[in-house]
Amino acid sequence: DIPLPQSPLLGIIGVAALFNGLVQWRLRQASSATSHELLSQ
């Protein structure tokens, strides 16, 4: 019985999941990475 604003929270989670999927797709094709990429993540 905690009044959470579900719509914006689920929207943030959806954007984060979409972003994580794109990153995972890119990493499957990558052969190396830099510290700047890890910093940005």
Full PDB file with SEQRES, HELIX, SHEET, SSBOND, CRYST1, ORIGX, SCALE, CONECT and MASTER records, all heavy atoms in Angstrom:
SEQRES   1 A   41  ASP ILE PRO LEU PRO GLN SER PRO LEU LEU GLY ILE ILE          
SEQRES   2 A   41  GLY VAL ALA ALA LEU PHE ASN GLY LEU VAL GLN TRP ARG          
SEQRES   3 A   41  LEU ARG GLN ALA SER SER ALA THR SER HIS GLU LEU LEU          
SEQRES   4 A   41  SER GLN                                                      
HELIX    1 AA1 GLN A    6  GLN A   29  1                                  24    
HELIX    2 AA2 SER A   35  SER A   40  1                                   6    
CRYST1    1.000    1.000    1.000  90.00  90.00  90.00 P 1           1          
ORIGX1      1.000000  0.000000  0.000000        0.00000                         
ORIGX2      0.000000  1.000000  0.000000        0.00000                         
ORIGX3      0.000000  0.000000  1.000000        0.00000                         
SCALE1      1.000000  0.000000  0.000000        0.00000                         
SCALE2      0.000000  1.000000  0.000000        0.00000                         
SCALE3      0.000000  0.000000  1.000000        0.00000                         
ATOM      1  N   ASP A   1       0.831  -1.209   0.000  1.00  0.00           N  
ATOM      2  CA  ASP A   1       0.000   0.000   0.000  1.00  0.00           C  
ATOM      3  C   ASP A   1       0.868   1.264   0.000  1.00  0.00           C  
ATOM      4  O   ASP A   1       0.698   2.162   0.817  1.00  0.00           O  
ATOM      5  CB  ASP A   1      -0.938  -0.003   1.205  1.00  0.00           C  
ATOM      6  CG  ASP A   1      -2.031   1.067   1.077  1.00  0.00           C  
ATOM      7  OD1 ASP A   1      -2.294   1.503  -0.063  1.00  0.00           O  
ATOM      8  OD2 ASP A   1      -2.576   1.478   2.116  1.00  0.00           O  
ATOM      9  N   ILE A   2       1.831   1.284  -0.937  1.00  0.00           N  
ATOM     10  CA  ILE A   2       2.709   2.451  -1.097  1.00  0.00           C  
ATOM     11  C   ILE A   2       2.321   3.130  -2.401  1.00  0.00           C  
ATOM     12  O   ILE A   2       2.353   2.510  -3.477  1.00  0.00           O  
ATOM     13  CB  ILE A   2       4.193   2.042  -1.131  1.00  0.00           C  
ATOM     14  CG1 ILE A   2       4.588   1.378   0.192  1.00  0.00           C  
ATOM     15  CG2 ILE A   2       5.083   3.248  -1.384  1.00  0.00           C  
ATOM     16  CD1 ILE A   2       6.009   0.870   0.209  1.00  0.00           C  
ATOM     17  N   PRO A   3       1.981   4.397  -2.378  1.00  0.00           N  
ATOM     18  CA  PRO A   3       1.536   5.085  -3.602  1.00  0.00           C  
ATOM     19  C   PRO A   3       2.715   5.474  -4.498  1.00  0.00           C  
ATOM     20  O   PRO A   3       3.240   6.579  -4.429  1.00  0.00           O  
ATOM     21  CB  PRO A   3       0.826   6.333  -3.055  1.00  0.00           C  
ATOM     22  CG  PRO A   3       1.505   6.610  -1.749  1.00  0.00           C  
ATOM     23  CD  PRO A   3       1.893   5.277  -1.177  1.00  0.00           C  
ATOM     24  N   LEU A   4       3.105   4.563  -5.355  1.00  0.00           N  
ATOM     25  CA  LEU A   4       4.184   4.843  -6.299  1.00  0.00           C  
ATOM     26  C   LEU A   4       3.612   5.296  -7.640  1.00  0.00           C  
ATOM     27  O   LEU A   4       2.616   4.728  -8.113  1.00  0.00           O  
ATOM     28  CB  LEU A   4       5.039   3.593  -6.522  1.00  0.00           C  
ATOM     29  CG  LEU A   4       5.983   3.148  -5.393  1.00  0.00           C  
ATOM     30  CD1 LEU A   4       6.674   1.852  -5.778  1.00  0.00           C  
ATOM     31  CD2 LEU A   4       7.004   4.230  -5.097  1.00  0.00           C  
ATOM     32  N   PRO A   5       4.239   6.275  -8.295  1.00  0.00           N  
ATOM     33  CA  PRO A   5       3.809   6.663  -9.657  1.00  0.00           C  
ATOM     34  C   PRO A   5       4.335   5.650 -10.671  1.00  0.00           C  
ATOM     35  O   PRO A   5       5.449   5.791 -11.198  1.00  0.00           O  
ATOM     36  CB  PRO A   5       4.448   8.041  -9.828  1.00  0.00           C  
ATOM     37  CG  PRO A   5       5.640   8.036  -8.928  1.00  0.00           C  
ATOM     38  CD  PRO A   5       5.296   7.167  -7.761  1.00  0.00           C  
ATOM     39  N   GLN A   6       3.555   4.643 -10.955  1.00  0.00           N  
ATOM     40  CA  GLN A   6       4.038   3.537 -11.779  1.00  0.00           C  
ATOM     41  C   GLN A   6       4.355   3.942 -13.209  1.00  0.00           C  
ATOM     42  O   GLN A   6       5.321   3.441 -13.798  1.00  0.00           O  
ATOM     43  CB  GLN A   6       3.012   2.401 -11.767  1.00  0.00           C  
ATOM     44  CG  GLN A   6       2.885   1.693 -10.421  1.00  0.00           C  
ATOM     45  CD  GLN A   6       1.886   0.553 -10.471  1.00  0.00           C  
ATOM     46  OE1 GLN A   6       0.812   0.673 -11.066  1.00  0.00           O  
ATOM     47  NE2 GLN A   6       2.231  -0.566  -9.853  1.00  0.00           N  
ATOM     48  N   SER A   7       3.558   4.834 -13.791  1.00  0.00           N  
ATOM     49  CA  SER A   7       3.757   5.163 -15.210  1.00  0.00           C  
ATOM     50  C   SER A   7       5.149   5.740 -15.486  1.00  0.00           C  
ATOM     51  O   SER A   7       5.877   5.236 -16.364  1.00  0.00           O  
ATOM     52  CB  SER A   7       2.666   6.122 -15.681  1.00  0.00           C  
ATOM     53  OG  SER A   7       1.400   5.508 -15.583  1.00  0.00           O  
ATOM     54  N   PRO A   8       5.586   6.820 -14.792  1.00  0.00           N  
ATOM     55  CA  PRO A   8       6.929   7.325 -15.073  1.00  0.00           C  
ATOM     56  C   PRO A   8       8.029   6.332 -14.705  1.00  0.00           C  
ATOM     57  O   PRO A   8       9.055   6.255 -15.394  1.00  0.00           O  
ATOM     58  CB  PRO A   8       7.016   8.599 -14.223  1.00  0.00           C  
ATOM     59  CG  PRO A   8       5.974   8.454 -13.176  1.00  0.00           C  
ATOM     60  CD  PRO A   8       4.889   7.658 -13.801  1.00  0.00           C  
ATOM     61  N   LEU A   9       7.815   5.568 -13.635  1.00  0.00           N  
ATOM     62  CA  LEU A   9       8.842   4.597 -13.251  1.00  0.00           C  
ATOM     63  C   LEU A   9       8.990   3.512 -14.310  1.00  0.00           C  
ATOM     64  O   LEU A   9      10.115   3.136 -14.691  1.00  0.00           O  
ATOM     65  CB  LEU A   9       8.493   3.973 -11.896  1.00  0.00           C  
ATOM     66  CG  LEU A   9       8.532   4.915 -10.686  1.00  0.00           C  
ATOM     67  CD1 LEU A   9       8.123   4.173  -9.418  1.00  0.00           C  
ATOM     68  CD2 LEU A   9       9.924   5.516 -10.506  1.00  0.00           C  
ATOM     69  N   LEU A  10       7.880   2.966 -14.796  1.00  0.00           N  
ATOM     70  CA  LEU A  10       7.957   1.950 -15.853  1.00  0.00           C  
ATOM     71  C   LEU A  10       8.514   2.536 -17.143  1.00  0.00           C  
ATOM     72  O   LEU A  10       9.194   1.841 -17.910  1.00  0.00           O  
ATOM     73  CB  LEU A  10       6.580   1.342 -16.086  1.00  0.00           C  
ATOM     74  CG  LEU A  10       6.022   0.482 -14.936  1.00  0.00           C  
ATOM     75  CD1 LEU A  10       4.595   0.028 -15.255  1.00  0.00           C  
ATOM     76  CD2 LEU A  10       6.925  -0.729 -14.694  1.00  0.00           C  
ATOM     77  N   GLY A  11       8.205   3.821 -17.406  1.00  0.00           N  
ATOM     78  CA  GLY A  11       8.779   4.463 -18.591  1.00  0.00           C  
ATOM     79  C   GLY A  11      10.296   4.547 -18.495  1.00  0.00           C  
ATOM     80  O   GLY A  11      11.018   4.283 -19.475  1.00  0.00           O  
ATOM     81  N   ILE A  12      10.818   4.929 -17.320  1.00  0.00           N  
ATOM     82  CA  ILE A  12      12.278   4.994 -17.128  1.00  0.00           C  
ATOM     83  C   ILE A  12      12.895   3.611 -17.288  1.00  0.00           C  
ATOM     84  O   ILE A  12      13.936   3.436 -17.936  1.00  0.00           O  
ATOM     85  CB  ILE A  12      12.598   5.582 -15.737  1.00  0.00           C  
ATOM     86  CG1 ILE A  12      12.122   7.033 -15.660  1.00  0.00           C  
ATOM     87  CG2 ILE A  12      14.087   5.490 -15.445  1.00  0.00           C  
ATOM     88  CD1 ILE A  12      12.185   7.618 -14.261  1.00  0.00           C  
ATOM     89  N   ILE A  13      12.224   2.589 -16.709  1.00  0.00           N  
ATOM     90  CA  ILE A  13      12.743   1.218 -16.833  1.00  0.00           C  
ATOM     91  C   ILE A  13      12.738   0.773 -18.291  1.00  0.00           C  
ATOM     92  O   ILE A  13      13.684   0.118 -18.771  1.00  0.00           O  
ATOM     93  CB  ILE A  13      11.899   0.265 -15.960  1.00  0.00           C  
ATOM     94  CG1 ILE A  13      12.091   0.605 -14.481  1.00  0.00           C  
ATOM     95  CG2 ILE A  13      12.287  -1.186 -16.227  1.00  0.00           C  
ATOM     96  CD1 ILE A  13      11.159  -0.169 -13.563  1.00  0.00           C  
ATOM     97  N   GLY A  14      11.679   1.133 -19.043  1.00  0.00           N  
ATOM     98  CA  GLY A  14      11.618   0.755 -20.453  1.00  0.00           C  
ATOM     99  C   GLY A  14      12.728   1.385 -21.272  1.00  0.00           C  
ATOM    100  O   GLY A  14      13.357   0.730 -22.112  1.00  0.00           O  
ATOM    101  N   VAL A  15      12.996   2.687 -21.034  1.00  0.00           N  
ATOM    102  CA  VAL A  15      14.093   3.357 -21.749  1.00  0.00           C  
ATOM    103  C   VAL A  15      15.432   2.718 -21.406  1.00  0.00           C  
ATOM    104  O   VAL A  15      16.277   2.480 -22.283  1.00  0.00           O  
ATOM    105  CB  VAL A  15      14.093   4.866 -21.417  1.00  0.00           C  
ATOM    106  CG1 VAL A  15      15.332   5.540 -21.999  1.00  0.00           C  
ATOM    107  CG2 VAL A  15      12.827   5.523 -21.955  1.00  0.00           C  
ATOM    108  N   ALA A  16      15.624   2.402 -20.096  1.00  0.00           N  
ATOM    109  CA  ALA A  16      16.884   1.773 -19.687  1.00  0.00           C  
ATOM    110  C   ALA A  16      17.035   0.390 -20.316  1.00  0.00           C  
ATOM    111  O   ALA A  16      18.140   0.004 -20.732  1.00  0.00           O  
ATOM    112  CB  ALA A  16      16.925   1.675 -18.163  1.00  0.00           C  
ATOM    113  N   ALA A  17      15.948  -0.372 -20.413  1.00  0.00           N  
ATOM    114  CA  ALA A  17      16.017  -1.695 -21.030  1.00  0.00           C  
ATOM    115  C   ALA A  17      16.333  -1.595 -22.518  1.00  0.00           C  
ATOM    116  O   ALA A  17      17.127  -2.375 -23.055  1.00  0.00           O  
ATOM    117  CB  ALA A  17      14.696  -2.433 -20.808  1.00  0.00           C  
ATOM    118  N   LEU A  18      15.697  -0.626 -23.214  1.00  0.00           N  
ATOM    119  CA  LEU A  18      15.989  -0.434 -24.634  1.00  0.00           C  
ATOM    120  C   LEU A  18      17.451  -0.056 -24.839  1.00  0.00           C  
ATOM    121  O   LEU A  18      18.133  -0.596 -25.728  1.00  0.00           O  
ATOM    122  CB  LEU A  18      15.070   0.649 -25.205  1.00  0.00           C  
ATOM    123  CG  LEU A  18      15.286   1.017 -26.684  1.00  0.00           C  
ATOM    124  CD1 LEU A  18      15.069  -0.197 -27.576  1.00  0.00           C  
ATOM    125  CD2 LEU A  18      14.383   2.173 -27.092  1.00  0.00           C  
ATOM    126  N   PHE A  19      17.932   0.850 -24.000  1.00  0.00           N  
ATOM    127  CA  PHE A  19      19.335   1.252 -24.096  1.00  0.00           C  
ATOM    128  C   PHE A  19      20.262   0.065 -23.830  1.00  0.00           C  
ATOM    129  O   PHE A  19      21.263  -0.132 -24.540  1.00  0.00           O  
ATOM    130  CB  PHE A  19      19.604   2.375 -23.094  1.00  0.00           C  
ATOM    131  CG  PHE A  19      21.048   2.794 -23.020  1.00  0.00           C  
ATOM    132  CD1 PHE A  19      21.599   3.639 -23.975  1.00  0.00           C  
ATOM    133  CD2 PHE A  19      21.865   2.339 -21.984  1.00  0.00           C  
ATOM    134  CE1 PHE A  19      22.929   4.021 -23.913  1.00  0.00           C  
ATOM    135  CE2 PHE A  19      23.192   2.716 -21.922  1.00  0.00           C  
ATOM    136  CZ  PHE A  19      23.726   3.559 -22.879  1.00  0.00           C  
ATOM    137  N   ASN A  20      19.935  -0.739 -22.818  1.00  0.00           N  
ATOM    138  CA  ASN A  20      20.784  -1.888 -22.490  1.00  0.00           C  
ATOM    139  C   ASN A  20      20.789  -2.909 -23.623  1.00  0.00           C  
ATOM    140  O   ASN A  20      21.812  -3.536 -23.911  1.00  0.00           O  
ATOM    141  CB  ASN A  20      20.287  -2.540 -21.204  1.00  0.00           C  
ATOM    142  CG  ASN A  20      21.367  -3.337 -20.514  1.00  0.00           C  
ATOM    143  OD1 ASN A  20      22.499  -2.891 -20.389  1.00  0.00           O  
ATOM    144  ND2 ASN A  20      21.024  -4.531 -20.042  1.00  0.00           N  
ATOM    145  N   GLY A  21      19.643  -3.081 -24.285  1.00  0.00           N  
ATOM    146  CA  GLY A  21      19.596  -3.990 -25.424  1.00  0.00           C  
ATOM    147  C   GLY A  21      20.479  -3.527 -26.570  1.00  0.00           C  
ATOM    148  O   GLY A  21      21.169  -4.333 -27.208  1.00  0.00           O  
ATOM    149  N   LEU A  22      20.460  -2.223 -26.853  1.00  0.00           N  
ATOM    150  CA  LEU A  22      21.316  -1.692 -27.907  1.00  0.00           C  
ATOM    151  C   LEU A  22      22.796  -1.862 -27.562  1.00  0.00           C  
ATOM    152  O   LEU A  22      23.615  -2.208 -28.426  1.00  0.00           O  
ATOM    153  CB  LEU A  22      20.988  -0.213 -28.137  1.00  0.00           C  
ATOM    154  CG  LEU A  22      19.595   0.083 -28.721  1.00  0.00           C  
ATOM    155  CD1 LEU A  22      19.356   1.592 -28.760  1.00  0.00           C  
ATOM    156  CD2 LEU A  22      19.461  -0.516 -30.119  1.00  0.00           C  
ATOM    157  N   VAL A  23      23.129  -1.622 -26.303  1.00  0.00           N  
ATOM    158  CA  VAL A  23      24.522  -1.786 -25.881  1.00  0.00           C  
ATOM    159  C   VAL A  23      24.948  -3.251 -26.011  1.00  0.00           C  
ATOM    160  O   VAL A  23      26.056  -3.551 -26.484  1.00  0.00           O  
ATOM    161  CB  VAL A  23      24.702  -1.296 -24.433  1.00  0.00           C  
ATOM    162  CG1 VAL A  23      26.101  -1.619 -23.918  1.00  0.00           C  
ATOM    163  CG2 VAL A  23      24.454   0.199 -24.345  1.00  0.00           C  
ATOM    164  N   GLN A  24      24.075  -4.173 -25.609  1.00  0.00           N  
ATOM    165  CA  GLN A  24      24.406  -5.593 -25.716  1.00  0.00           C  
ATOM    166  C   GLN A  24      24.602  -6.006 -27.172  1.00  0.00           C  
ATOM    167  O   GLN A  24      25.519  -6.781 -27.492  1.00  0.00           O  
ATOM    168  CB  GLN A  24      23.305  -6.427 -25.070  1.00  0.00           C  
ATOM    169  CG  GLN A  24      23.627  -7.909 -24.978  1.00  0.00           C  
ATOM    170  CD  GLN A  24      22.555  -8.663 -24.233  1.00  0.00           C  
ATOM    171  OE1 GLN A  24      21.364  -8.411 -24.411  1.00  0.00           O  
ATOM    172  NE2 GLN A  24      22.956  -9.587 -23.380  1.00  0.00           N  
ATOM    173  N   TRP A  25      23.771  -5.512 -28.065  1.00  0.00           N  
ATOM    174  CA  TRP A  25      23.927  -5.822 -29.488  1.00  0.00           C  
ATOM    175  C   TRP A  25      25.253  -5.314 -30.027  1.00  0.00           C  
ATOM    176  O   TRP A  25      25.931  -5.990 -30.788  1.00  0.00           O  
ATOM    177  CB  TRP A  25      22.765  -5.195 -30.252  1.00  0.00           C  
ATOM    178  CG  TRP A  25      22.892  -5.348 -31.756  1.00  0.00           C  
ATOM    179  CD1 TRP A  25      22.624  -6.455 -32.499  1.00  0.00           C  
ATOM    180  CD2 TRP A  25      23.356  -4.352 -32.667  1.00  0.00           C  
ATOM    181  NE1 TRP A  25      22.884  -6.218 -33.827  1.00  0.00           N  
ATOM    182  CE2 TRP A  25      23.339  -4.923 -33.965  1.00  0.00           C  
ATOM    183  CE3 TRP A  25      23.774  -3.030 -32.518  1.00  0.00           C  
ATOM    184  CZ2 TRP A  25      23.737  -4.225 -35.090  1.00  0.00           C  
ATOM    185  CZ3 TRP A  25      24.170  -2.321 -33.649  1.00  0.00           C  
ATOM    186  CH2 TRP A  25      24.148  -2.922 -34.914  1.00  0.00           C  
ATOM    187  N   ARG A  26      25.637  -4.097 -29.608  1.00  0.00           N  
ATOM    188  CA  ARG A  26      26.915  -3.552 -30.057  1.00  0.00           C  
ATOM    189  C   ARG A  26      28.097  -4.360 -29.512  1.00  0.00           C  
ATOM    190  O   ARG A  26      29.080  -4.621 -30.215  1.00  0.00           O  
ATOM    191  CB  ARG A  26      27.040  -2.100 -29.626  1.00  0.00           C  
ATOM    192  CG  ARG A  26      28.354  -1.458 -30.081  1.00  0.00           C  
ATOM    193  CD  ARG A  26      28.801  -0.367 -29.142  1.00  0.00           C  
ATOM    194  NE  ARG A  26      30.171   0.024 -29.409  1.00  0.00           N  
ATOM    195  CZ  ARG A  26      31.224  -0.560 -28.885  1.00  0.00           C  
ATOM    196  NH1 ARG A  26      31.066  -1.576 -28.069  1.00  0.00           N  
ATOM    197  NH2 ARG A  26      32.448  -0.174 -29.179  1.00  0.00           N  
ATOM    198  N   LEU A  27      28.020  -4.780 -28.250  1.00  0.00           N  
ATOM    199  CA  LEU A  27      29.127  -5.501 -27.643  1.00  0.00           C  
ATOM    200  C   LEU A  27      29.327  -6.865 -28.275  1.00  0.00           C  
ATOM    201  O   LEU A  27      30.449  -7.391 -28.281  1.00  0.00           O  
ATOM    202  CB  LEU A  27      28.895  -5.652 -26.138  1.00  0.00           C  
ATOM    203  CG  LEU A  27      28.944  -4.358 -25.312  1.00  0.00           C  
ATOM    204  CD1 LEU A  27      28.677  -4.651 -23.851  1.00  0.00           C  
ATOM    205  CD2 LEU A  27      30.304  -3.667 -25.470  1.00  0.00           C  
ATOM    206  N   ARG A  28      28.266  -7.466 -28.806  1.00  0.00           N  
ATOM    207  CA  ARG A  28      28.424  -8.758 -29.472  1.00  0.00           C  
ATOM    208  C   ARG A  28      29.287  -8.643 -30.723  1.00  0.00           C  
ATOM    209  O   ARG A  28      29.942  -9.622 -31.121  1.00  0.00           O  
ATOM    210  CB  ARG A  28      27.043  -9.313 -29.851  1.00  0.00           C  
ATOM    211  CG  ARG A  28      26.253  -9.828 -28.664  1.00  0.00           C  
ATOM    212  CD  ARG A  28      24.884 -10.309 -29.099  1.00  0.00           C  
ATOM    213  NE  ARG A  28      24.105 -10.834 -27.970  1.00  0.00           N  
ATOM    214  CZ  ARG A  28      22.844 -11.207 -28.039  1.00  0.00           C  
ATOM    215  NH1 ARG A  28      22.194 -11.142 -29.216  1.00  0.00           N  
ATOM    216  NH2 ARG A  28      22.214 -11.667 -26.971  1.00  0.00           N  
ATOM    217  N   GLN A  29      29.301  -7.487 -31.349  1.00  0.00           N  
ATOM    218  CA  GLN A  29      30.085  -7.295 -32.565  1.00  0.00           C  
ATOM    219  C   GLN A  29      31.442  -6.656 -32.287  1.00  0.00           C  
ATOM    220  O   GLN A  29      32.279  -6.579 -33.179  1.00  0.00           O  
ATOM    221  CB  GLN A  29      29.301  -6.400 -33.543  1.00  0.00           C  
ATOM    222  CG  GLN A  29      27.933  -6.954 -33.920  1.00  0.00           C  
ATOM    223  CD  GLN A  29      27.158  -6.010 -34.809  1.00  0.00           C  
ATOM    224  OE1 GLN A  29      27.575  -4.871 -35.029  1.00  0.00           O  
ATOM    225  NE2 GLN A  29      26.024  -6.467 -35.334  1.00  0.00           N  
ATOM    226  N   ALA A  30      31.662  -6.183 -31.060  1.00  0.00           N  
ATOM    227  CA  ALA A  30      32.908  -5.473 -30.734  1.00  0.00           C  
ATOM    228  C   ALA A  30      34.011  -6.465 -30.386  1.00  0.00           C  
ATOM    229  O   ALA A  30      33.759  -7.554 -29.863  1.00  0.00           O  
ATOM    230  CB  ALA A  30      32.682  -4.516 -29.568  1.00  0.00           C  
ATOM    231  N   SER A  31      35.222  -6.075 -30.693  1.00  0.00           N  
ATOM    232  CA  SER A  31      36.398  -6.882 -30.338  1.00  0.00           C  
ATOM    233  C   SER A  31      37.225  -6.226 -29.249  1.00  0.00           C  
ATOM    234  O   SER A  31      38.175  -6.825 -28.746  1.00  0.00           O  
ATOM    235  CB  SER A  31      37.284  -7.101 -31.578  1.00  0.00           C  
ATOM    236  OG  SER A  31      37.700  -5.842 -32.120  1.00  0.00           O  
ATOM    237  N   SER A  32      36.880  -5.002 -28.881  1.00  0.00           N  
ATOM    238  CA  SER A  32      37.611  -4.291 -27.844  1.00  0.00           C  
ATOM    239  C   SER A  32      36.739  -3.152 -27.336  1.00  0.00           C  
ATOM    240  O   SER A  32      35.683  -2.856 -27.906  1.00  0.00           O  
ATOM    241  CB  SER A  32      38.946  -3.754 -28.384  1.00  0.00           C  
ATOM    242  OG  SER A  32      39.669  -3.086 -27.362  1.00  0.00           O  
ATOM    243  N   ALA A  33      37.156  -2.535 -26.237  1.00  0.00           N  
ATOM    244  CA  ALA A  33      36.430  -1.409 -25.656  1.00  0.00           C  
ATOM    245  C   ALA A  33      37.425  -0.518 -24.929  1.00  0.00           C  
ATOM    246  O   ALA A  33      38.576  -0.904 -24.689  1.00  0.00           O  
ATOM    247  CB  ALA A  33      35.335  -1.886 -24.706  1.00  0.00           C  
ATOM    248  N   THR A  34      36.993   0.676 -24.594  1.00  0.00           N  
ATOM    249  CA  THR A  34      37.854   1.634 -23.915  1.00  0.00           C  
ATOM    250  C   THR A  34      37.288   1.938 -22.531  1.00  0.00           C  
ATOM    251  O   THR A  34      36.128   1.654 -22.226  1.00  0.00           O  
ATOM    252  CB  THR A  34      37.967   2.942 -24.713  1.00  0.00           C  
ATOM    253  OG1 THR A  34      36.673   3.578 -24.764  1.00  0.00           O  
ATOM    254  CG2 THR A  34      38.442   2.666 -26.136  1.00  0.00           C  
ATOM    255  N   SER A  35      38.118   2.549 -21.721  1.00  0.00           N  
ATOM    256  CA  SER A  35      37.668   2.943 -20.383  1.00  0.00           C  
ATOM    257  C   SER A  35      36.593   4.025 -20.453  1.00  0.00           C  
ATOM    258  O   SER A  35      35.737   4.112 -19.566  1.00  0.00           O  
ATOM    259  CB  SER A  35      38.862   3.432 -19.563  1.00  0.00           C  
ATOM    260  OG  SER A  35      39.454   4.573 -20.163  1.00  0.00           O  
ATOM    261  N   HIS A  36      36.602   4.832 -21.503  1.00  0.00           N  
ATOM    262  CA  HIS A  36      35.587   5.877 -21.639  1.00  0.00           C  
ATOM    263  C   HIS A  36      34.198   5.272 -21.845  1.00  0.00           C  
ATOM    264  O   HIS A  36      33.199   5.821 -21.363  1.00  0.00           O  
ATOM    265  CB  HIS A  36      35.938   6.814 -22.791  1.00  0.00           C  
ATOM    266  CG  HIS A  36      37.237   7.546 -22.599  1.00  0.00           C  
ATOM    267  ND1 HIS A  36      37.413   8.500 -21.626  1.00  0.00           N  
ATOM    268  CD2 HIS A  36      38.427   7.446 -23.240  1.00  0.00           C  
ATOM    269  CE1 HIS A  36      38.641   8.973 -21.685  1.00  0.00           C  
ATOM    270  NE2 HIS A  36      39.280   8.344 -22.659  1.00  0.00           N  
ATOM    271  N   GLU A  37      34.124   4.155 -22.570  1.00  0.00           N  
ATOM    272  CA  GLU A  37      32.834   3.496 -22.761  1.00  0.00           C  
ATOM    273  C   GLU A  37      32.300   2.963 -21.436  1.00  0.00           C  
ATOM    274  O   GLU A  37      31.116   3.094 -21.127  1.00  0.00           O  
ATOM    275  CB  GLU A  37      32.982   2.363 -23.767  1.00  0.00           C  
ATOM    276  CG  GLU A  37      33.277   2.824 -25.183  1.00  0.00           C  
ATOM    277  CD  GLU A  37      33.412   1.667 -26.146  1.00  0.00           C  
ATOM    278  OE1 GLU A  37      32.371   1.198 -26.657  1.00  0.00           O  
ATOM    279  OE2 GLU A  37      34.539   1.204 -26.371  1.00  0.00           O  
ATOM    280  N   LEU A  38      33.188   2.358 -20.652  1.00  0.00           N  
ATOM    281  CA  LEU A  38      32.759   1.862 -19.345  1.00  0.00           C  
ATOM    282  C   LEU A  38      32.343   3.018 -18.446  1.00  0.00           C  
ATOM    283  O   LEU A  38      31.346   2.914 -17.709  1.00  0.00           O  
ATOM    284  CB  LEU A  38      33.892   1.056 -18.702  1.00  0.00           C  
ATOM    285  CG  LEU A  38      33.584   0.391 -17.368  1.00  0.00           C  
ATOM    286  CD1 LEU A  38      32.376  -0.532 -17.480  1.00  0.00           C  
ATOM    287  CD2 LEU A  38      34.796  -0.390 -16.879  1.00  0.00           C  
ATOM    288  N   LEU A  39      33.065   4.130 -18.502  1.00  0.00           N  
ATOM    289  CA  LEU A  39      32.704   5.311 -17.709  1.00  0.00           C  
ATOM    290  C   LEU A  39      31.312   5.806 -18.097  1.00  0.00           C  
ATOM    291  O   LEU A  39      30.480   6.109 -17.227  1.00  0.00           O  
ATOM    292  CB  LEU A  39      33.750   6.405 -17.922  1.00  0.00           C  
ATOM    293  CG  LEU A  39      33.421   7.786 -17.352  1.00  0.00           C  
ATOM    294  CD1 LEU A  39      33.285   7.716 -15.838  1.00  0.00           C  
ATOM    295  CD2 LEU A  39      34.487   8.799 -17.764  1.00  0.00           C  
ATOM    296  N   SER A  40      31.042   5.880 -19.390  1.00  0.00           N  
ATOM    297  CA  SER A  40      29.735   6.369 -19.839  1.00  0.00           C  
ATOM    298  C   SER A  40      28.609   5.442 -19.379  1.00  0.00           C  
ATOM    299  O   SER A  40      27.515   5.901 -19.011  1.00  0.00           O  
ATOM    300  CB  SER A  40      29.723   6.512 -21.360  1.00  0.00           C  
ATOM    301  OG  SER A  40      29.889   5.243 -21.987  1.00  0.00           O  
ATOM    302  N   GLN A  41      28.846   4.126 -19.351  1.00  0.00           N  
ATOM    303  CA  GLN A  41      27.817   3.192 -18.914  1.00  0.00           C  
ATOM    304  C   GLN A  41      27.522   3.350 -17.422  1.00  0.00           C  
ATOM    305  O   GLN A  41      26.365   3.275 -16.995  1.00  0.00           O  
ATOM    306  CB  GLN A  41      28.257   1.755 -19.209  1.00  0.00           C  
ATOM    307  CG  GLN A  41      28.364   1.426 -20.685  1.00  0.00           C  
ATOM    308  CD  GLN A  41      27.039   1.528 -21.401  1.00  0.00           C  
ATOM    309  OE1 GLN A  41      26.022   1.036 -20.904  1.00  0.00           O  
ATOM    310  NE2 GLN A  41      27.019   2.164 -22.557  1.00  0.00           N  
TER     311      GLN A  41                                                      
MASTER        0    0    0    2    0    0    0    6  310    1    0    4          
END                                                                             
